[in-house]
Amino acid sequence: MQNPKTILITGASSGIGEALAHHYAKSGVTLVLTGRNPERLTRVEMTCRERGATVITRTIDVGDEIAMADWIAEIDAQTPLDLVIANAGISGGASGGLDTATREIFRINVEGTFNTVHPALTAMRSRRRGQIALVSSLAGYIGMPSAPGYGASKAAVRSYGEALRGRYAAAGIEVSIISPGFIVSGITEKNKFPMPFLMKADKAAGIIARGLARNKSRIAFPWPMYAAIRLAAMLPVFVTEKLFGRLPAKD
């Protein structure tokens, strides 16, 4: 999928989603964008149109299975999807304590990914062509007590994406898992602790787009942080408990 012509991106009103929309926006490309904030989504739409892209937007809850399935089927019937990026996600923010917050995180991050990927797979399988990207996180490689719900949700997305890649390769569908570190976004701006290798969203979008063009199975970055996380995952549990137990909790 070197030059996708129709690209769907969820969570496109800010952060990595917005940066990816800007990156792909050019003449001859149709961008299908959704996000939770209609004002920000409209601004992204205007910028992408100025760059020559055809843009279709919808403010929709990715956690709504029926609404997402109907919308994606409608879009695909108009203009077959080449690339679908399941990017929408939250890190917390739900009131009511750990249980309520975790359930909402899973509803958006995991069920929202299902609701994006499954309708796209249905359409792509019929024509034996397409590419799907699932946005996980480096936090999905190891359980961190500072963000149990977020990390667990991203671990589920990563594992599911890796399984889908193997399952649908013979059907002509490419699947990649994107695992960023700290990216300048609405999620990270709430963090009150140092964030090593904090990266701007436009730089992250370039890394992701190059990885997708190469059909990489894992697009994990920045590499020093990825290497450190993978190394930490191999350490004895009592060591990682001491290391990560000192991290401040995410809001």
Protein backbone atom coordinates (compact mmCIF):
# COMPACT_ATOMS: atom_id res chain seq x y z
CA MET A 1 0.00 0.00 0.00
CA GLN A 2 2.49 2.57 -1.22
CA ASN A 3 0.03 5.30 -2.18
CA PRO A 4 -3.34 4.83 -0.47
CA LYS A 5 -6.03 6.98 -2.06
CA THR A 6 -8.83 6.63 0.50
CA ILE A 7 -7.78 6.76 4.14
CA LEU A 8 -9.95 6.55 7.24
CA ILE A 9 -8.53 7.88 10.50
CA THR A 10 -10.32 7.81 13.85
CA GLY A 11 -9.33 10.24 16.57
CA ALA A 12 -8.37 12.72 13.85
CA SER A 13 -9.24 15.92 15.71
CA SER A 14 -5.95 16.07 17.66
CA GLY A 15 -2.56 14.48 18.32
CA ILE A 16 -1.30 11.70 16.07
CA GLY A 17 -4.62 11.43 14.24
CA GLU A 18 -4.56 15.10 13.26
CA ALA A 19 -0.89 14.88 12.26
CA LEU A 20 -1.55 11.82 10.08
CA ALA A 21 -4.44 13.59 8.36
CA HIS A 22 -2.15 16.54 7.59
CA HIS A 23 0.58 14.18 6.39
CA TYR A 24 -1.62 12.33 3.91
CA ALA A 25 -3.57 15.39 2.72
CA LYS A 26 -2.89 16.08 -0.94
CA SER A 27 -4.63 16.18 -4.29
CA GLY A 28 -6.10 12.84 -5.33
CA VAL A 29 -6.49 11.59 -1.75
CA THR A 30 -9.81 11.21 0.07
CA LEU A 31 -9.55 11.50 3.85
CA VAL A 32 -12.35 10.09 6.00
CA LEU A 33 -11.95 11.60 9.45
CA THR A 34 -13.74 11.24 12.75
CA GLY A 35 -13.13 12.71 16.18
CA ARG A 36 -14.90 13.64 19.39
CA ASN A 37 -14.46 17.41 19.12
CA PRO A 38 -16.43 18.89 16.20
CA GLU A 39 -14.70 22.28 16.33
CA ARG A 40 -11.20 20.80 16.17
CA LEU A 41 -12.30 18.30 13.54
CA THR A 42 -13.57 21.14 11.37
CA ARG A 43 -10.20 22.90 11.64
CA VAL A 44 -8.40 19.71 10.59
CA GLU A 45 -10.82 19.34 7.69
CA MET A 46 -10.16 22.90 6.49
CA THR A 47 -6.39 22.43 6.62
CA CYS A 48 -6.57 19.17 4.69
CA ARG A 49 -8.84 20.70 2.05
CA GLU A 50 -6.39 23.57 1.63
CA ARG A 51 -3.73 20.96 0.84
CA GLY A 52 -5.87 19.55 -1.95
CA ALA A 53 -7.48 16.51 -0.31
CA THR A 54 -11.14 15.55 -0.52
CA VAL A 55 -12.35 15.32 3.08
CA ILE A 56 -15.34 13.53 4.64
CA THR A 57 -15.89 14.04 8.37
CA ARG A 58 -18.23 12.68 11.00
CA THR A 59 -18.35 13.29 14.75
CA ILE A 60 -19.07 9.83 16.07
CA ASP A 61 -18.49 7.73 19.19
CA VAL A 62 -16.14 4.90 18.22
CA GLY A 63 -17.61 2.91 21.09
CA ASP A 64 -20.96 2.74 19.27
CA GLU A 65 -20.71 -0.54 17.33
CA ILE A 66 -23.79 -0.09 15.15
CA ALA A 67 -23.11 3.55 14.27
CA MET A 68 -19.52 2.78 13.31
CA ALA A 69 -20.46 -0.26 11.22
CA ASP A 70 -23.14 1.66 9.34
CA TRP A 71 -20.87 4.64 8.74
CA ILE A 72 -17.88 2.62 7.52
CA ALA A 73 -20.09 0.53 5.22
CA GLU A 74 -21.61 3.73 3.82
CA ILE A 75 -18.19 5.28 3.21
CA ASP A 76 -16.72 2.14 1.65
CA ALA A 77 -19.65 1.90 -0.74
CA GLN A 78 -18.93 5.46 -1.92
CA THR A 79 -15.14 5.17 -2.10
CA PRO A 80 -13.45 1.85 -1.22
CA LEU A 81 -11.10 2.19 1.73
CA ASP A 82 -7.42 1.55 1.10
CA LEU A 83 -6.05 2.33 4.56
CA VAL A 84 -7.84 2.39 7.91
CA ILE A 85 -6.03 3.74 10.99
CA ALA A 86 -7.75 2.88 14.27
CA ASN A 87 -6.22 5.67 16.30
CA ALA A 88 -8.94 6.94 18.67
CA GLY A 89 -8.03 6.48 22.30
CA ILE A 90 -8.11 7.94 25.79
CA SER A 91 -5.83 7.53 28.80
CA GLY A 92 -8.29 8.26 31.59
CA GLY A 93 -10.36 11.17 32.70
CA ALA A 94 -13.54 9.28 33.63
CA SER A 95 -14.89 10.19 37.06
CA GLY A 96 -15.91 7.61 39.61
CA GLY A 97 -12.61 5.93 40.43
CA LEU A 98 -10.40 3.26 38.93
CA ASP A 99 -13.19 0.85 37.96
CA THR A 100 -15.27 3.41 36.05
CA ALA A 101 -12.23 4.92 34.36
CA THR A 102 -10.87 1.53 33.27
CA ARG A 103 -14.19 0.44 31.79
CA GLU A 104 -14.42 3.66 29.77
CA ILE A 105 -10.80 3.31 28.59
CA PHE A 106 -11.53 -0.22 27.36
CA ARG A 107 -14.76 0.90 25.71
CA ILE A 108 -12.93 3.49 23.62
CA ASN A 109 -9.47 1.95 23.19
CA VAL A 110 -10.40 -1.70 22.71
CA GLU A 111 -14.05 -1.81 21.65
CA GLY A 112 -13.54 1.33 19.58
CA THR A 113 -10.70 -0.45 17.76
CA PHE A 114 -12.92 -3.48 17.16
CA ASN A 115 -15.70 -1.23 15.87
CA THR A 116 -13.28 0.35 13.39
CA VAL A 117 -11.34 -2.70 12.29
CA HIS A 118 -14.11 -5.29 11.90
CA PRO A 119 -16.24 -3.40 9.35
CA ALA A 120 -13.11 -2.48 7.43
CA LEU A 121 -11.97 -6.11 7.35
CA THR A 122 -15.36 -7.17 5.99
CA ALA A 123 -15.05 -4.74 3.10
CA MET A 124 -11.38 -5.43 2.38
CA ARG A 125 -11.75 -9.21 2.41
CA SER A 126 -14.28 -9.07 -0.41
CA ARG A 127 -11.74 -7.37 -2.71
CA ARG A 128 -8.63 -9.03 -1.18
CA ARG A 129 -6.87 -5.74 -0.74
CA GLY A 130 -6.35 -3.15 1.98
CA GLN A 131 -4.29 -2.05 4.94
CA ILE A 132 -5.23 -1.64 8.59
CA ALA A 133 -3.20 0.04 11.33
CA LEU A 134 -4.00 -0.33 15.02
CA VAL A 135 -2.55 2.30 17.35
CA SER A 136 -1.25 0.73 20.54
CA SER A 137 1.47 2.21 22.77
CA LEU A 138 4.83 1.35 24.28
CA ALA A 139 2.84 1.23 27.54
CA GLY A 140 1.26 -1.95 26.17
CA TYR A 141 4.49 -3.92 26.50
CA ILE A 142 4.64 -4.02 30.28
CA GLY A 143 2.11 -3.56 33.09
CA MET A 144 2.64 -0.21 34.76
CA PRO A 145 0.85 0.51 38.06
CA SER A 146 0.75 4.19 37.12
CA ALA A 147 -1.70 3.46 34.29
CA PRO A 148 -3.26 -0.02 34.68
CA GLY A 149 -6.32 0.57 32.51
CA TYR A 150 -4.52 2.38 29.71
CA GLY A 151 -1.58 -0.05 29.57
CA ALA A 152 -3.84 -3.10 29.61
CA SER A 153 -6.04 -1.68 26.85
CA LYS A 154 -3.05 -0.99 24.64
CA ALA A 155 -1.63 -4.46 25.33
CA ALA A 156 -4.93 -5.91 24.10
CA VAL A 157 -4.81 -3.80 20.94
CA ARG A 158 -1.21 -4.81 20.24
CA SER A 159 -1.84 -8.53 20.74
CA TYR A 160 -5.01 -8.45 18.67
CA GLY A 161 -3.30 -6.60 15.83
CA GLU A 162 -0.39 -9.02 15.74
CA ALA A 163 -2.83 -11.92 15.49
CA LEU A 164 -4.84 -10.23 12.74
CA ARG A 165 -1.69 -9.66 10.69
CA GLY A 166 -0.97 -13.37 10.55
CA ARG A 167 -4.58 -14.34 10.02
CA TYR A 168 -5.31 -12.04 7.08
CA ALA A 169 -1.96 -11.91 5.27
CA ALA A 170 -3.06 -14.60 2.81
CA ALA A 171 -6.23 -12.59 2.13
CA GLY A 172 -4.17 -9.68 0.81
CA ILE A 173 -4.74 -7.45 3.85
CA GLU A 174 -1.78 -5.77 5.50
CA VAL A 175 -1.97 -5.15 9.26
CA SER A 176 0.48 -3.04 11.26
CA ILE A 177 0.67 -2.20 14.97
CA ILE A 178 1.77 1.31 15.90
CA SER A 179 3.34 1.69 19.36
CA PRO A 180 4.43 5.26 20.09
CA GLY A 181 6.08 6.59 23.21
CA PHE A 182 5.22 10.04 24.55
CA ILE A 183 3.74 12.25 21.83
CA VAL A 184 2.68 15.87 22.22
CA SER A 185 -1.12 15.55 22.41
CA GLY A 186 -4.14 16.09 24.59
CA ILE A 187 -3.29 12.86 26.42
CA THR A 188 0.26 13.81 27.38
CA GLU A 189 -0.48 17.45 28.23
CA LYS A 190 -2.23 16.19 31.38
CA ASN A 191 0.86 14.35 32.60
CA LYS A 192 2.61 15.97 35.55
CA PHE A 193 5.83 13.97 35.32
CA PRO A 194 8.91 13.99 33.06
CA MET A 195 8.30 12.31 29.69
CA PRO A 196 11.52 11.04 28.12
CA PHE A 197 11.92 11.40 24.34
CA LEU A 198 8.74 13.47 24.06
CA MET A 199 8.08 13.77 20.32
CA LYS A 200 6.03 16.19 18.24
CA ALA A 201 3.03 14.67 16.50
CA ASP A 202 4.12 15.62 12.98
CA LYS A 203 7.42 13.77 13.40
CA ALA A 204 5.53 10.74 14.72
CA ALA A 205 3.21 10.87 11.69
CA GLY A 206 6.17 10.73 9.32
CA ILE A 207 7.59 7.67 11.10
CA ILE A 208 4.21 5.95 11.00
CA ALA A 209 3.57 6.71 7.33
CA ARG A 210 7.00 5.39 6.30
CA GLY A 211 6.44 2.23 8.33
CA LEU A 212 3.03 1.65 6.80
CA ALA A 213 4.42 2.14 3.28
CA ARG A 214 6.91 -0.66 4.06
CA ASN A 215 4.19 -2.87 5.58
CA LYS A 216 6.11 -3.12 8.85
CA SER A 217 4.47 -5.37 11.39
CA ARG A 218 5.55 -3.19 14.33
CA ILE A 219 6.09 0.54 14.15
CA ALA A 220 7.47 1.25 17.63
CA PHE A 221 9.30 4.48 18.47
CA PRO A 222 11.33 6.28 19.63
CA TRP A 223 13.78 3.41 19.46
CA PRO A 224 15.73 4.18 22.71
CA MET A 225 12.49 4.05 24.69
CA TYR A 226 11.28 0.97 22.82
CA ALA A 227 14.59 -0.78 23.59
CA ALA A 228 14.37 0.20 27.26
CA ILE A 229 10.78 -1.07 27.55
CA ARG A 230 11.65 -4.39 25.90
CA LEU A 231 14.64 -4.79 28.20
CA ALA A 232 12.54 -3.99 31.26
CA ALA A 233 10.00 -6.62 30.19
CA MET A 234 12.73 -9.25 30.44
CA LEU A 235 13.76 -8.30 33.98
CA PRO A 236 12.55 -10.24 37.03
CA VAL A 237 9.17 -9.08 38.28
CA PHE A 238 10.50 -7.92 41.65
CA VAL A 239 12.85 -5.54 39.82
CA THR A 240 10.18 -4.03 37.58
CA GLU A 241 7.83 -3.69 40.55
CA LYS A 242 10.38 -1.46 42.25
CA LEU A 243 11.17 0.48 39.08
CA PHE A 244 7.64 1.21 37.95
CA GLY A 245 6.05 1.31 41.40
CA ARG A 246 7.60 4.75 41.91
CA LEU A 247 5.96 6.31 38.86
CA PRO A 248 3.20 8.88 39.52
CA ALA A 249 -0.30 7.81 38.56
CA LYS A 250 -1.85 9.15 35.35
CA ASP A 251 -5.01 11.20 35.78
